[in-house]
N, C-alpha and C. Protein backbone atom coordinates (compact mmCIF):
# COMPACT_ATOMS: atom_id res chain seq x y z
N UNK A 1 0.01 6.40 -8.08
CA UNK A 1 0.41 6.11 -6.68
C UNK A 1 -0.27 6.80 -5.70
N UNK A 2 -1.17 6.76 -4.96
CA UNK A 2 -1.80 7.41 -4.08
C UNK A 2 -1.19 7.36 -2.37
N UNK A 3 -1.26 8.41 -1.67
CA UNK A 3 -0.89 8.11 -0.15
C UNK A 3 -2.41 8.15 0.44
N UNK A 4 -2.52 7.40 1.67
CA UNK A 4 -3.49 7.38 2.73
C UNK A 4 -3.41 7.74 4.08
N UNK A 5 -4.06 8.92 4.11
CA UNK A 5 -3.73 9.37 5.42
C UNK A 5 -4.91 9.25 6.60
N UNK A 6 -4.42 8.83 7.72
CA UNK A 6 -5.50 9.18 8.65
C UNK A 6 -5.14 9.84 9.89
N UNK A 7 -6.51 10.61 9.97
CA UNK A 7 -6.21 11.37 11.07
C UNK A 7 -7.61 10.94 12.44
N UNK A 8 -7.05 10.85 13.66
CA UNK A 8 -7.92 10.39 14.91
C UNK A 8 -7.80 11.73 15.81
N UNK A 9 -9.23 12.25 15.67
CA UNK A 9 -9.80 13.10 16.09
C UNK A 9 -10.49 12.99 17.62
N UNK A 10 -9.97 13.27 18.86
CA UNK A 10 -10.81 13.14 20.12
C UNK A 10 -11.31 14.34 20.52
N UNK A 11 -11.45 15.59 20.01
CA UNK A 11 -12.13 16.79 20.58
C UNK A 11 -12.87 17.52 19.15
N UNK A 12 -13.62 18.68 19.43
CA UNK A 12 -14.25 19.25 18.83
C UNK A 12 -13.43 20.15 17.58
N UNK A 13 -12.09 20.58 18.36
CA UNK A 13 -11.20 21.40 17.62
C UNK A 13 -10.57 20.55 16.70
N UNK A 14 -10.23 19.76 17.22
CA UNK A 14 -9.47 18.68 16.16
C UNK A 14 -10.14 18.25 14.90
N UNK A 15 -11.58 18.08 15.19
CA UNK A 15 -12.53 17.70 14.12
C UNK A 15 -12.62 18.76 12.77
N UNK A 16 -12.83 20.12 13.53
CA UNK A 16 -12.90 21.18 12.88
C UNK A 16 -11.45 21.29 12.00
N UNK A 17 -10.26 21.04 12.32
CA UNK A 17 -9.11 21.16 11.62
C UNK A 17 -9.30 20.05 10.78
N UNK A 18 -9.48 18.71 10.99
CA UNK A 18 -9.49 17.64 9.85
C UNK A 18 -10.32 17.75 8.71
N UNK A 19 -11.63 18.39 9.18
CA UNK A 19 -12.28 18.75 8.10
C UNK A 19 -12.13 19.65 7.31
N UNK A 20 -11.44 20.48 7.71
CA UNK A 20 -10.94 21.88 6.93
C UNK A 20 -9.89 21.20 5.81
N UNK A 21 -8.90 20.36 6.34
CA UNK A 21 -7.95 19.82 5.61
C UNK A 21 -8.36 19.13 4.52
N UNK A 22 -9.44 18.30 4.78
CA UNK A 22 -10.10 17.55 3.98
C UNK A 22 -10.85 18.17 2.82
N UNK A 23 -11.53 19.37 3.22
CA UNK A 23 -12.32 19.74 2.17
C UNK A 23 -11.43 20.82 1.36
N UNK A 24 -10.41 21.52 1.86
CA UNK A 24 -9.66 22.29 1.17
C UNK A 24 -8.73 21.46 0.39
N UNK A 25 -8.25 20.30 0.76
CA UNK A 25 -7.34 19.61 -0.38
C UNK A 25 -8.12 19.57 -1.27
N UNK A 26 -9.28 19.18 -1.49
CA UNK A 26 -9.94 18.79 -2.80
C UNK A 26 -10.29 20.27 -3.73
N UNK A 27 -10.44 21.29 -2.89
CA UNK A 27 -10.70 22.66 -3.68
C UNK A 27 -9.35 23.27 -4.08
N UNK A 28 -8.05 23.25 -3.40
CA UNK A 28 -6.84 23.79 -3.87
C UNK A 28 -5.88 23.03 -5.01
N UNK A 29 -6.44 22.56 -6.28
CA UNK A 29 -6.05 21.90 -7.06
C UNK A 29 -4.97 23.01 -7.94
N UNK A 30 -3.64 22.37 -7.70
CA UNK A 30 -2.42 22.91 -8.12
C UNK A 30 -1.73 22.29 -8.51
N UNK A 31 -0.43 22.18 -9.47
CA UNK A 31 0.36 21.39 -9.55
C UNK A 31 1.64 21.36 -8.37
N UNK A 32 1.57 22.81 -7.76
CA UNK A 32 2.66 22.77 -6.50
C UNK A 32 1.83 22.63 -5.10
N UNK A 33 0.83 22.22 -5.42
CA UNK A 33 -0.09 21.84 -3.82
C UNK A 33 -0.65 20.43 -4.04
N UNK A 34 -0.24 19.84 -2.66
CA UNK A 34 -0.43 18.18 -2.67
C UNK A 34 -1.76 18.12 -2.89
N UNK A 35 -2.51 17.24 -4.03
CA UNK A 35 -3.69 17.01 -4.49
C UNK A 35 -4.29 16.14 -3.46
N UNK A 36 -5.70 16.38 -3.07
CA UNK A 36 -6.65 15.40 -2.38
C UNK A 36 -7.69 14.85 -3.28
N UNK A 37 -7.47 13.54 -3.26
CA UNK A 37 -8.62 13.16 -4.47
C UNK A 37 -9.83 12.58 -3.66
N UNK A 38 -9.79 12.17 -2.74
CA UNK A 38 -11.22 11.95 -2.07
C UNK A 38 -10.78 11.89 -0.20
N UNK A 39 -12.13 12.10 0.64
CA UNK A 39 -12.02 11.75 2.09
C UNK A 39 -13.26 11.51 2.55
N UNK A 40 -13.06 10.87 3.60
CA UNK A 40 -14.18 10.18 4.15
C UNK A 40 -14.19 10.19 5.63
N UNK A 41 -15.42 10.39 6.76
CA UNK A 41 -15.24 10.57 7.89
C UNK A 41 -16.32 9.59 8.51
N UNK A 42 -15.91 9.09 9.62
CA UNK A 42 -16.86 8.24 10.38
C UNK A 42 -16.60 8.14 11.95
N UNK A 43 -17.62 8.19 12.76
CA UNK A 43 -17.51 7.95 14.26
C UNK A 43 -17.22 6.72 14.64
N UNK A 44 -16.32 6.48 15.09
CA UNK A 44 -16.08 4.91 15.57
C UNK A 44 -16.81 4.63 16.91
N UNK A 45 -17.64 3.58 16.85
CA UNK A 45 -18.25 3.21 17.74
C UNK A 45 -17.99 1.40 18.11
N UNK A 46 -18.53 1.04 19.12
CA UNK A 46 -18.16 -0.37 19.63
C UNK A 46 -18.37 -1.26 18.30
N UNK A 47 -19.24 -0.95 17.58
CA UNK A 47 -19.83 -1.62 16.42
C UNK A 47 -18.81 -1.65 15.45
N UNK A 48 -18.31 -0.64 15.05
CA UNK A 48 -17.14 -0.45 13.97
C UNK A 48 -16.05 -1.57 14.22
N UNK A 49 -15.64 -1.69 15.53
CA UNK A 49 -14.59 -2.15 16.03
C UNK A 49 -14.79 -3.89 15.91
N UNK A 50 -16.04 -4.07 16.34
CA UNK A 50 -16.40 -5.36 16.32
C UNK A 50 -16.42 -5.98 14.96
N UNK A 51 -17.10 -5.15 14.10
CA UNK A 51 -17.08 -5.34 12.68
C UNK A 51 -15.64 -5.67 12.49
N UNK A 52 -14.84 -4.66 12.41
CA UNK A 52 -13.59 -4.55 11.55
C UNK A 52 -12.79 -5.97 12.14
N UNK A 53 -12.71 -6.54 13.53
CA UNK A 53 -12.32 -7.53 14.05
C UNK A 53 -12.55 -8.87 13.31
N UNK A 54 -14.04 -8.99 13.10
CA UNK A 54 -14.46 -9.99 12.40
C UNK A 54 -14.09 -9.97 11.07
N UNK A 55 -13.75 -8.97 10.31
CA UNK A 55 -13.47 -8.85 8.77
C UNK A 55 -11.91 -9.52 8.59
N UNK A 56 -10.93 -8.76 9.88
CA UNK A 56 -9.62 -9.53 10.02
C UNK A 56 -9.76 -10.90 10.20
N UNK A 57 -10.41 -11.41 10.99
CA UNK A 57 -10.22 -12.85 11.23
C UNK A 57 -10.58 -13.62 10.26
N UNK A 58 -11.73 -13.13 9.23
CA UNK A 58 -11.97 -13.64 8.26
C UNK A 58 -11.42 -13.80 7.19
N UNK A 59 -10.34 -12.68 7.07
CA UNK A 59 -9.17 -12.59 6.11
C UNK A 59 -8.11 -13.55 6.38
N UNK A 60 -7.92 -13.35 7.61
CA UNK A 60 -6.92 -14.94 8.18
C UNK A 60 -7.14 -16.24 7.83
N UNK A 61 -8.44 -16.47 8.29
CA UNK A 61 -9.27 -17.78 7.91
C UNK A 61 -8.73 -17.89 6.66
N UNK A 62 -9.34 -17.12 5.50
CA UNK A 62 -9.17 -17.32 4.33
C UNK A 62 -7.63 -17.62 3.71
N UNK A 63 -6.94 -16.88 4.09
CA UNK A 63 -5.78 -16.90 3.95
C UNK A 63 -5.00 -18.44 4.01
N UNK A 64 -5.39 -18.84 5.56
CA UNK A 64 -5.05 -20.28 6.01
C UNK A 64 -5.44 -21.23 4.96
N UNK A 65 -6.68 -21.02 4.69
CA UNK A 65 -7.33 -22.11 4.01
C UNK A 65 -6.88 -22.16 2.31
N UNK A 66 -6.19 -21.10 1.61
CA UNK A 66 -5.75 -20.88 0.59
C UNK A 66 -4.24 -21.43 0.52
N UNK A 67 -3.67 -21.24 1.78
CA UNK A 67 -2.30 -21.88 1.58
C UNK A 67 -2.34 -23.44 2.11
N UNK A 68 -3.07 -23.57 2.53
CA UNK A 68 -3.57 -25.30 3.00
C UNK A 68 -4.17 -25.95 1.36
N UNK A 69 -4.87 -25.26 0.89
CA UNK A 69 -5.14 -25.85 -0.57
C UNK A 69 -3.95 -25.90 -1.68
N UNK A 70 -3.24 -24.74 -1.72
CA UNK A 70 -1.74 -24.80 -2.55
C UNK A 70 -0.89 -25.89 -2.18
N UNK A 71 -0.88 -26.17 -0.69
CA UNK A 71 -0.05 -26.94 -0.45
C UNK A 71 -0.43 -28.31 -0.60
N UNK A 72 -1.74 -28.50 -0.54
CA UNK A 72 -2.67 -29.96 -1.05
C UNK A 72 -2.22 -30.30 -2.76
N UNK A 73 -2.47 -29.04 -3.42
CA UNK A 73 -2.06 -29.26 -4.73
C UNK A 73 -0.93 -29.54 -5.19
N UNK A 74 0.13 -28.79 -4.60
CA UNK A 74 1.77 -29.15 -4.71
C UNK A 74 1.94 -30.52 -4.50
N UNK A 75 1.35 -31.27 -3.47
CA UNK A 75 1.51 -32.64 -2.94
C UNK A 75 1.04 -33.58 -3.68
N UNK A 76 -0.11 -33.13 -4.43
CA UNK A 76 -0.68 -33.98 -5.41
C UNK A 76 0.06 -34.10 -6.73
N UNK A 77 0.79 -32.86 -7.20
CA UNK A 77 1.54 -32.83 -8.32
C UNK A 77 2.87 -33.74 -8.01
N UNK A 78 3.52 -33.86 -6.83
CA UNK A 78 4.71 -34.43 -6.56
C UNK A 78 4.48 -35.97 -6.46
N UNK A 79 2.97 -36.50 -6.41
CA UNK A 79 2.82 -37.77 -5.67
C UNK A 79 3.05 -38.76 -6.86
N UNK A 80 3.55 -40.01 -6.60
CA UNK A 80 3.95 -41.07 -7.28
C UNK A 80 2.97 -41.41 -8.26
N UNK A 81 2.78 -41.86 -9.49
CA UNK A 81 1.63 -42.57 -10.04
C UNK A 81 1.59 -43.97 -9.68
N UNK A 82 0.23 -44.34 -9.67
CA UNK A 82 -0.39 -45.74 -8.88
C UNK A 82 -0.11 -46.90 -10.02
N UNK A 83 0.33 -47.83 -9.68
CA UNK A 83 0.85 -48.93 -10.39
C UNK A 83 1.52 -48.76 -11.48
N UNK A 84 1.65 -49.57 -12.88
CA UNK A 84 2.75 -49.70 -13.87
C UNK A 84 2.29 -48.54 -14.93
N UNK A 85 2.89 -48.76 -15.75
CA UNK A 85 2.51 -47.88 -17.18
C UNK A 85 3.53 -47.00 -17.55
N UNK A 86 3.26 -46.07 -18.07
CA UNK A 86 4.17 -45.07 -18.81
C UNK A 86 4.11 -43.92 -17.98
N UNK A 87 5.47 -43.51 -17.71
CA UNK A 87 5.86 -42.27 -16.95
C UNK A 87 5.55 -40.94 -17.41
N UNK A 88 5.67 -40.08 -16.61
CA UNK A 88 5.32 -38.61 -17.66
C UNK A 88 6.34 -38.02 -18.55
N UNK A 89 7.66 -38.72 -18.77
CA UNK A 89 8.79 -38.52 -19.51
C UNK A 89 8.85 -39.24 -20.54
N UNK A 90 7.90 -40.34 -20.79
CA UNK A 90 7.64 -41.51 -21.59
C UNK A 90 8.56 -42.57 -21.49
N UNK A 91 9.31 -42.81 -20.19
CA UNK A 91 9.81 -43.90 -19.81
C UNK A 91 8.92 -44.87 -19.31
N UNK A 92 9.10 -46.24 -19.56
CA UNK A 92 8.53 -47.25 -18.64
C UNK A 92 8.33 -47.31 -17.32
N UNK A 93 7.41 -47.22 -16.78
CA UNK A 93 7.55 -47.17 -15.04
C UNK A 93 7.38 -48.77 -14.28
N UNK A 94 7.79 -49.08 -13.34
CA UNK A 94 7.62 -50.33 -12.89
C UNK A 94 6.18 -49.95 -12.08
N UNK A 95 5.76 -51.14 -11.89
CA UNK A 95 4.48 -51.39 -10.78
C UNK A 95 4.71 -50.69 -9.38
N UNK A 96 3.97 -49.54 -9.01
CA UNK A 96 4.19 -48.86 -7.85
C UNK A 96 5.62 -48.31 -7.83
N UNK A 97 6.00 -48.01 -8.92
CA UNK A 97 7.53 -47.27 -8.69
C UNK A 97 7.51 -45.71 -8.47
N UNK A 98 8.52 -45.08 -8.43
CA UNK A 98 8.33 -43.86 -8.43
C UNK A 98 8.83 -43.17 -9.62
N UNK A 99 8.32 -41.94 -9.60
CA UNK A 99 8.09 -41.13 -10.87
C UNK A 99 7.43 -39.82 -11.05
N UNK A 100 7.28 -39.31 -11.70
CA UNK A 100 6.25 -38.21 -12.12
C UNK A 100 5.09 -38.54 -12.71
N UNK A 101 3.80 -38.19 -11.92
CA UNK A 101 2.74 -38.45 -12.71
C UNK A 101 2.37 -37.85 -14.10
N UNK A 102 1.79 -38.83 -14.73
CA UNK A 102 1.78 -38.42 -16.17
C UNK A 102 1.03 -37.35 -16.61
N UNK A 103 0.84 -36.12 -17.21
CA UNK A 103 0.38 -35.16 -17.67
C UNK A 103 0.27 -35.01 -19.09
N UNK A 104 -0.67 -34.85 -20.15
CA UNK A 104 -0.56 -34.69 -21.11
C UNK A 104 -0.12 -33.29 -21.48
N UNK A 105 0.66 -33.25 -22.50
CA UNK A 105 1.62 -31.88 -22.88
C UNK A 105 0.52 -30.72 -22.85
N UNK A 106 0.76 -29.94 -21.96
CA UNK A 106 0.20 -28.10 -22.28
C UNK A 106 -1.42 -28.52 -21.26
N UNK A 107 -1.51 -29.31 -20.59
CA UNK A 107 -2.70 -29.80 -19.72
C UNK A 107 -2.42 -29.48 -18.15
N UNK A 108 -3.13 -29.10 -17.40
CA UNK A 108 -2.92 -29.30 -15.99
C UNK A 108 -4.08 -29.15 -15.32
N UNK A 109 -4.61 -29.74 -14.30
CA UNK A 109 -5.84 -29.76 -13.70
C UNK A 109 -5.99 -28.14 -13.03
N UNK A 110 -7.18 -27.83 -12.72
CA UNK A 110 -7.37 -26.44 -12.02
C UNK A 110 -6.89 -26.14 -10.89
N UNK A 111 -6.63 -26.98 -9.87
CA UNK A 111 -5.69 -26.63 -8.46
C UNK A 111 -4.22 -26.63 -8.88
N UNK A 112 -3.88 -27.46 -9.83
CA UNK A 112 -2.32 -27.27 -9.99
C UNK A 112 -2.02 -25.96 -10.73
N UNK A 113 -2.81 -25.80 -11.57
CA UNK A 113 -2.67 -24.16 -12.02
C UNK A 113 -2.61 -23.22 -11.08
N UNK A 114 -3.47 -23.37 -10.04
CA UNK A 114 -3.66 -22.35 -9.06
C UNK A 114 -2.44 -22.18 -8.39
N UNK A 115 -1.85 -23.37 -7.73
CA UNK A 115 -0.91 -23.66 -6.91
C UNK A 115 0.40 -23.23 -7.75
N UNK A 116 0.54 -23.41 -8.98
CA UNK A 116 1.80 -23.29 -9.76
C UNK A 116 1.74 -21.61 -10.10
N UNK A 117 0.60 -20.84 -10.38
CA UNK A 117 0.60 -19.27 -10.26
C UNK A 117 1.22 -18.83 -9.44
N UNK A 118 1.11 -19.07 -7.75
CA UNK A 118 1.54 -18.28 -7.01
C UNK A 118 3.09 -18.32 -6.88
N UNK A 119 3.82 -19.18 -7.74
CA UNK A 119 4.94 -19.31 -7.61
C UNK A 119 5.58 -19.51 -9.12
N UNK A 120 4.90 -18.32 -9.83
CA UNK A 120 5.29 -17.99 -11.01
C UNK A 120 6.34 -17.01 -11.11
N UNK A 121 7.04 -16.61 -10.06
CA UNK A 121 8.27 -15.77 -10.02
C UNK A 121 8.06 -14.22 -11.00
N UNK A 122 6.80 -13.77 -11.01
CA UNK A 122 6.65 -12.78 -11.73
C UNK A 122 6.72 -11.40 -10.65
N UNK A 123 6.98 -11.74 -9.47
CA UNK A 123 7.26 -10.41 -8.45
C UNK A 123 6.32 -10.35 -7.77
N UNK A 124 5.09 -10.55 -7.95
CA UNK A 124 4.04 -9.87 -7.19
C UNK A 124 3.77 -11.13 -6.13
N UNK A 125 3.71 -12.39 -6.11
CA UNK A 125 3.83 -13.21 -5.06
C UNK A 125 2.22 -13.64 -5.01
N UNK A 126 1.98 -14.37 -3.83
CA UNK A 126 0.44 -14.73 -3.43
C UNK A 126 -0.31 -13.95 -3.42
N UNK A 127 -1.17 -13.23 -4.14
CA UNK A 127 -2.26 -12.29 -3.79
C UNK A 127 -2.81 -12.39 -2.41
N UNK A 128 -3.12 -13.54 -2.06
CA UNK A 128 -3.91 -13.79 -0.68
C UNK A 128 -2.94 -13.32 0.23
N UNK A 129 -1.84 -13.15 0.04
CA UNK A 129 -0.95 -12.85 1.46
C UNK A 129 -0.75 -11.56 1.49
N UNK A 130 -1.00 -10.53 0.76
CA UNK A 130 -0.91 -9.17 0.75
C UNK A 130 -1.84 -8.53 1.86
N UNK A 131 -1.88 -7.95 2.73
CA UNK A 131 -2.35 -7.50 3.90
C UNK A 131 -3.59 -6.48 3.15
N UNK A 132 -4.83 -6.83 3.38
CA UNK A 132 -5.90 -6.00 2.48
C UNK A 132 -6.21 -4.86 3.33
N UNK A 133 -7.13 -3.85 3.17
CA UNK A 133 -7.29 -2.74 3.70
C UNK A 133 -7.72 -2.81 5.15
N UNK A 134 -8.60 -3.87 5.43
CA UNK A 134 -9.21 -4.15 6.71
C UNK A 134 -7.91 -4.11 7.69
N UNK A 135 -7.10 -4.92 7.46
CA UNK A 135 -5.84 -5.43 8.27
C UNK A 135 -5.23 -3.90 8.51
N UNK A 136 -4.71 -3.62 7.25
CA UNK A 136 -3.82 -2.03 7.50
C UNK A 136 -4.23 -0.98 8.21
N UNK A 137 -5.87 -0.90 8.24
CA UNK A 137 -6.78 0.20 8.92
C UNK A 137 -6.79 -0.76 10.33
N UNK A 138 -6.85 -1.79 10.67
CA UNK A 138 -6.49 -2.19 12.10
C UNK A 138 -5.54 -1.73 12.87
N UNK A 139 -4.20 -1.73 11.98
CA UNK A 139 -3.05 -1.63 12.66
C UNK A 139 -2.76 -0.11 12.77
N UNK A 140 -3.42 0.74 12.15
CA UNK A 140 -3.48 2.25 11.95
C UNK A 140 -4.34 2.50 13.52
N UNK A 141 -5.43 2.07 13.76
CA UNK A 141 -6.28 2.28 14.72
C UNK A 141 -5.62 1.47 16.32
N UNK A 142 -4.72 0.81 15.96
CA UNK A 142 -4.35 0.20 17.11
C UNK A 142 -3.33 1.00 17.73
N UNK A 143 -2.10 1.35 16.80
CA UNK A 143 -0.84 2.49 16.70
C UNK A 143 -1.73 3.71 17.49
N UNK A 144 -2.75 4.15 16.67
CA UNK A 144 -3.39 5.73 17.37
C UNK A 144 -4.14 5.52 18.36
N UNK A 145 -4.00 4.45 19.14
CA UNK A 145 -4.86 4.03 20.28
C UNK A 145 -6.40 4.49 20.25
N UNK A 146 -6.80 4.43 19.11
CA UNK A 146 -8.10 4.89 18.83
C UNK A 146 -9.15 4.20 19.72
N UNK A 147 -10.08 4.67 20.00
CA UNK A 147 -11.33 4.45 21.02
C UNK A 147 -12.53 4.74 20.20
N UNK A 148 -13.59 4.00 20.83
CA UNK A 148 -14.93 4.33 20.53
C UNK A 148 -15.61 5.73 21.07
N UNK A 149 -15.74 6.71 20.07
CA UNK A 149 -16.37 8.08 20.36
C UNK A 149 -15.22 8.92 19.44
N UNK A 150 -14.15 8.29 19.31
CA UNK A 150 -13.10 9.05 18.41
C UNK A 150 -13.84 9.20 16.95
N UNK A 151 -13.27 10.21 16.09
CA UNK A 151 -13.64 10.51 14.96
C UNK A 151 -12.70 9.89 13.91
N UNK A 152 -12.76 9.22 12.89
CA UNK A 152 -11.35 8.80 12.10
C UNK A 152 -11.84 9.40 10.75
N UNK A 153 -10.74 10.09 9.97
CA UNK A 153 -10.80 10.95 8.86
C UNK A 153 -9.78 10.09 8.13
N UNK A 154 -9.99 9.77 6.76
CA UNK A 154 -9.21 9.32 5.52
C UNK A 154 -9.12 10.02 4.95
N UNK A 155 -7.96 10.28 4.36
CA UNK A 155 -7.75 11.25 3.23
C UNK A 155 -6.91 10.53 2.29
N UNK A 156 -7.46 10.47 0.69
CA UNK A 156 -6.44 9.87 -0.11
C UNK A 156 -5.99 10.95 -0.66
N UNK A 157 -4.65 11.10 -0.95
CA UNK A 157 -3.87 12.27 -1.69
C UNK A 157 -2.76 11.69 -2.53
N UNK A 158 -1.96 12.65 -3.04
CA UNK A 158 -0.85 12.49 -3.78
C UNK A 158 0.01 11.79 -3.04
N UNK A 159 0.68 10.61 -3.73
CA UNK A 159 1.76 10.26 -3.17
C UNK A 159 3.29 11.08 -3.58
N UNK A 160 3.65 11.55 -2.46
CA UNK A 160 4.83 12.36 -2.87
C UNK A 160 6.25 11.52 -2.27
N UNK A 161 6.51 10.72 -3.28
CA UNK A 161 7.63 9.83 -3.06
C UNK A 161 9.10 10.17 -2.57
N UNK A 162 9.25 11.22 -2.66
CA UNK A 162 10.68 12.06 -2.25
C UNK A 162 10.87 12.58 -0.97
N UNK A 163 9.92 12.48 -0.01
CA UNK A 163 9.94 12.59 1.38
C UNK A 163 9.39 13.91 1.38
N UNK A 164 9.99 14.66 2.66
CA UNK A 164 9.88 16.35 2.97
C UNK A 164 10.82 17.03 2.76
N UNK A 165 10.71 18.27 2.66
CA UNK A 165 11.89 19.31 2.10
C UNK A 165 12.99 19.49 3.27
N UNK A 166 12.36 18.93 4.19
CA UNK A 166 13.55 18.72 5.64
C UNK A 166 14.40 17.81 5.20
N UNK A 167 14.03 16.30 5.07
CA UNK A 167 14.64 15.30 4.84
C UNK A 167 15.73 15.56 3.65
N UNK A 168 15.20 16.47 2.73
CA UNK A 168 16.08 16.35 1.74
C UNK A 168 17.35 17.35 2.26
N UNK A 169 16.98 18.55 2.85
CA UNK A 169 18.24 19.59 3.25
C UNK A 169 18.87 18.60 4.34
N UNK A 170 18.54 17.71 5.26
CA UNK A 170 19.54 17.00 6.08
C UNK A 170 20.30 15.90 5.07
N UNK A 171 19.83 15.42 3.87
CA UNK A 171 20.68 14.37 3.52
C UNK A 171 21.67 15.47 2.39
N UNK A 172 21.64 16.77 2.09
CA UNK A 172 22.22 17.40 1.64
C UNK A 172 22.15 17.56 0.11
N UNK A 173 20.99 17.41 -0.35
CA UNK A 173 20.64 17.40 -1.62
C UNK A 173 21.04 18.96 -2.57
N UNK A 174 21.05 19.80 -1.65
CA UNK A 174 21.11 21.21 -1.88
C UNK A 174 22.70 21.47 -1.77
N UNK A 175 23.25 20.80 -1.73
CA UNK A 175 24.98 21.36 -1.55
C UNK A 175 25.64 20.84 -2.56
N UNK A 176 26.55 21.40 -2.89
CA UNK A 176 27.53 20.65 -4.13
C UNK A 176 28.17 19.42 -3.69
N UNK A 177 28.23 17.97 -4.44
CA UNK A 177 28.92 17.19 -4.35
C UNK A 177 29.78 16.68 -5.41
N UNK A 178 30.42 15.64 -5.32
CA UNK A 178 31.13 14.97 -6.23
C UNK A 178 30.36 14.72 -7.55
N UNK A 179 29.21 14.45 -7.32
CA UNK A 179 28.30 14.18 -8.49
C UNK A 179 27.49 15.25 -9.12
N UNK A 180 27.53 16.55 -8.49
CA UNK A 180 27.19 17.49 -8.98
C UNK A 180 27.64 18.99 -8.47
N UNK A 181 27.90 19.86 -9.36
CA UNK A 181 28.58 21.12 -8.93
C UNK A 181 27.38 22.00 -8.22
N UNK A 182 28.47 23.49 -7.89
CA UNK A 182 27.65 24.35 -7.23
C UNK A 182 26.73 24.69 -8.24
N UNK A 183 26.54 25.02 -9.27
CA UNK A 183 25.33 25.52 -10.34
C UNK A 183 24.43 24.44 -10.32
N UNK A 184 24.49 23.21 -10.62
CA UNK A 184 23.31 22.37 -10.23
C UNK A 184 22.59 22.44 -8.84
N UNK A 185 23.55 22.15 -7.94
CA UNK A 185 22.96 22.62 -6.57
C UNK A 185 22.02 23.85 -6.30
N UNK A 186 22.47 24.97 -7.02
CA UNK A 186 21.97 26.18 -6.56
C UNK A 186 20.66 26.09 -7.53
N UNK A 187 20.59 25.79 -8.86
CA UNK A 187 19.59 25.27 -9.65
C UNK A 187 18.30 24.76 -8.88
N UNK A 188 18.72 23.41 -8.06
CA UNK A 188 17.72 22.73 -7.75
C UNK A 188 17.05 23.72 -6.48
N UNK A 189 17.94 24.23 -5.36
CA UNK A 189 17.32 25.02 -4.70
C UNK A 189 16.43 26.32 -5.08
N UNK A 190 16.90 26.73 -5.92
CA UNK A 190 15.94 27.97 -6.59
C UNK A 190 14.88 27.49 -7.39
N UNK A 191 14.66 26.12 -8.30
CA UNK A 191 13.45 25.76 -8.31
C UNK A 191 12.56 25.12 -7.28
N UNK A 192 13.41 24.66 -6.50
CA UNK A 192 12.44 24.04 -5.35
C UNK A 192 11.64 25.18 -4.63
N UNK A 193 12.35 26.65 -4.24
CA UNK A 193 11.94 27.75 -3.92
C UNK A 193 10.92 28.37 -4.56
N UNK A 194 11.17 28.37 -6.21
CA UNK A 194 9.93 28.83 -6.57
C UNK A 194 8.92 28.00 -6.75
N UNK A 195 8.99 26.90 -6.61
CA UNK A 195 7.51 25.86 -6.67
C UNK A 195 6.99 25.93 -5.50
N UNK A 196 7.54 26.13 -4.18
CA UNK A 196 7.09 26.32 -2.79
C UNK A 196 6.03 27.89 -3.19
N UNK A 197 6.67 28.48 -3.42
CA UNK A 197 6.42 30.15 -3.48
C UNK A 197 5.03 30.17 -4.56
N UNK A 198 5.01 29.21 -5.36
CA UNK A 198 3.86 29.14 -6.63
C UNK A 198 2.90 28.50 -5.68
N UNK A 199 3.26 27.51 -4.74
CA UNK A 199 2.14 27.12 -4.15
C UNK A 199 1.56 27.89 -3.42
N UNK A 200 1.92 28.31 -2.59
CA UNK A 200 1.61 29.32 -1.44
C UNK A 200 0.97 30.52 -2.11
N UNK A 201 1.63 30.68 -3.27
CA UNK A 201 0.69 31.85 -4.00
C UNK A 201 -0.62 31.35 -4.25
N UNK A 202 -0.68 30.10 -4.86
CA UNK A 202 -2.12 29.89 -5.24
C UNK A 202 -3.23 29.58 -3.65
N UNK A 203 -2.54 29.26 -2.64
CA UNK A 203 -3.24 28.96 -1.60
C UNK A 203 -3.96 30.43 -1.12
N UNK A 204 -2.70 31.23 -1.04
CA UNK A 204 -3.54 32.62 -0.52
C UNK A 204 -4.42 33.40 -1.57
N UNK A 205 -4.27 32.93 -2.67
CA UNK A 205 -5.25 33.37 -4.05
C UNK A 205 -6.74 32.89 -3.66
N UNK A 206 -6.51 31.99 -2.74
CA UNK A 206 -7.71 30.94 -2.56
C UNK A 206 -8.23 31.61 -1.45
N UNK A 207 -7.91 32.52 -0.88
CA UNK A 207 -8.26 33.03 0.41
C UNK A 207 -8.23 32.26 1.50
N UNK A 208 -6.98 31.35 1.47
CA UNK A 208 -6.52 30.36 2.45
C UNK A 208 -5.13 30.74 3.15
N UNK A 209 -5.13 30.73 4.39
CA UNK A 209 -3.53 30.94 5.03
C UNK A 209 -3.33 29.68 5.60
N UNK A 210 -2.12 29.10 5.02
CA UNK A 210 -1.78 28.03 5.35
C UNK A 210 -1.37 28.06 7.03
N UNK A 211 -0.75 28.73 7.26
CA UNK A 211 -0.60 29.07 8.80
C UNK A 211 0.63 28.30 9.39
N UNK A 212 1.27 27.22 8.65
CA UNK A 212 2.26 26.39 9.70
C UNK A 212 3.25 25.84 8.23
N UNK A 213 3.84 26.78 7.52
CA UNK A 213 4.85 26.43 6.48
C UNK A 213 6.08 26.34 6.98
N UNK A 214 6.73 25.08 6.54
CA UNK A 214 8.08 24.69 7.23
C UNK A 214 8.52 23.75 6.55
N UNK A 215 9.94 23.39 6.68
CA UNK A 215 10.44 22.45 5.53
C UNK A 215 10.06 20.73 5.89
N UNK A 216 9.45 20.46 7.03
CA UNK A 216 8.77 19.54 7.44
C UNK A 216 7.29 19.25 6.68
N UNK A 217 6.72 20.20 6.52
CA UNK A 217 5.26 20.34 5.69
C UNK A 217 5.58 20.50 4.10
N UNK A 218 6.71 20.47 3.44
CA UNK A 218 6.82 20.92 2.31
C UNK A 218 7.31 19.19 1.51
N UNK A 219 6.34 18.64 0.78
CA UNK A 219 6.40 17.18 0.50
C UNK A 219 7.08 17.42 -1.15
N UNK A 220 7.82 16.43 -1.22
CA UNK A 220 8.52 16.23 -2.88
C UNK A 220 8.11 15.30 -3.73
N UNK A 221 8.22 15.48 -4.84
CA UNK A 221 8.13 14.17 -5.65
C UNK A 221 8.38 14.27 -7.12
């Protein structure tokens, strides 16, 4: 699992800071330093926003078409048979009567299979309803009030799923509780401090000064 970080730069100084973070993150590989896997930079212009809007509109249109096709396939599966004959469960059906459409055992037409796969209950849901990267990117740019002329930096990095050290301190993870005693709390505190020191040692040995070490900038996983 990775995390994607976006930085919007509005001046040359911010651009220099973002570019240094992106480049150094890939060079400072260490178990106690957040690993950067890739980074990209692009200068935002009017064409970028136009193309992005067109991609988002196309996604929503495809999503609506897929939902309509799935609904139509479900309606077709539930439609009553035309005329008399045998019903799907093997009982005779009256002419024009109600019942399930007859299907051979183990067979299903393509549209029905697609519709049914969206309701399989496997937990992932309809893949067409998941926001793609273009939709997520548009939301990020809107929230950051990005405009033409700004520089967008995208950094793909390690996902630290336990939040920051500051959040852990506020939650009292290094204090004795009814679940863990003082020895375990002290061990967690010392181990965390040691790993932070190891990460900082690696950074300093690479002739890099962090310059902003604080609990909010230490990520846990």
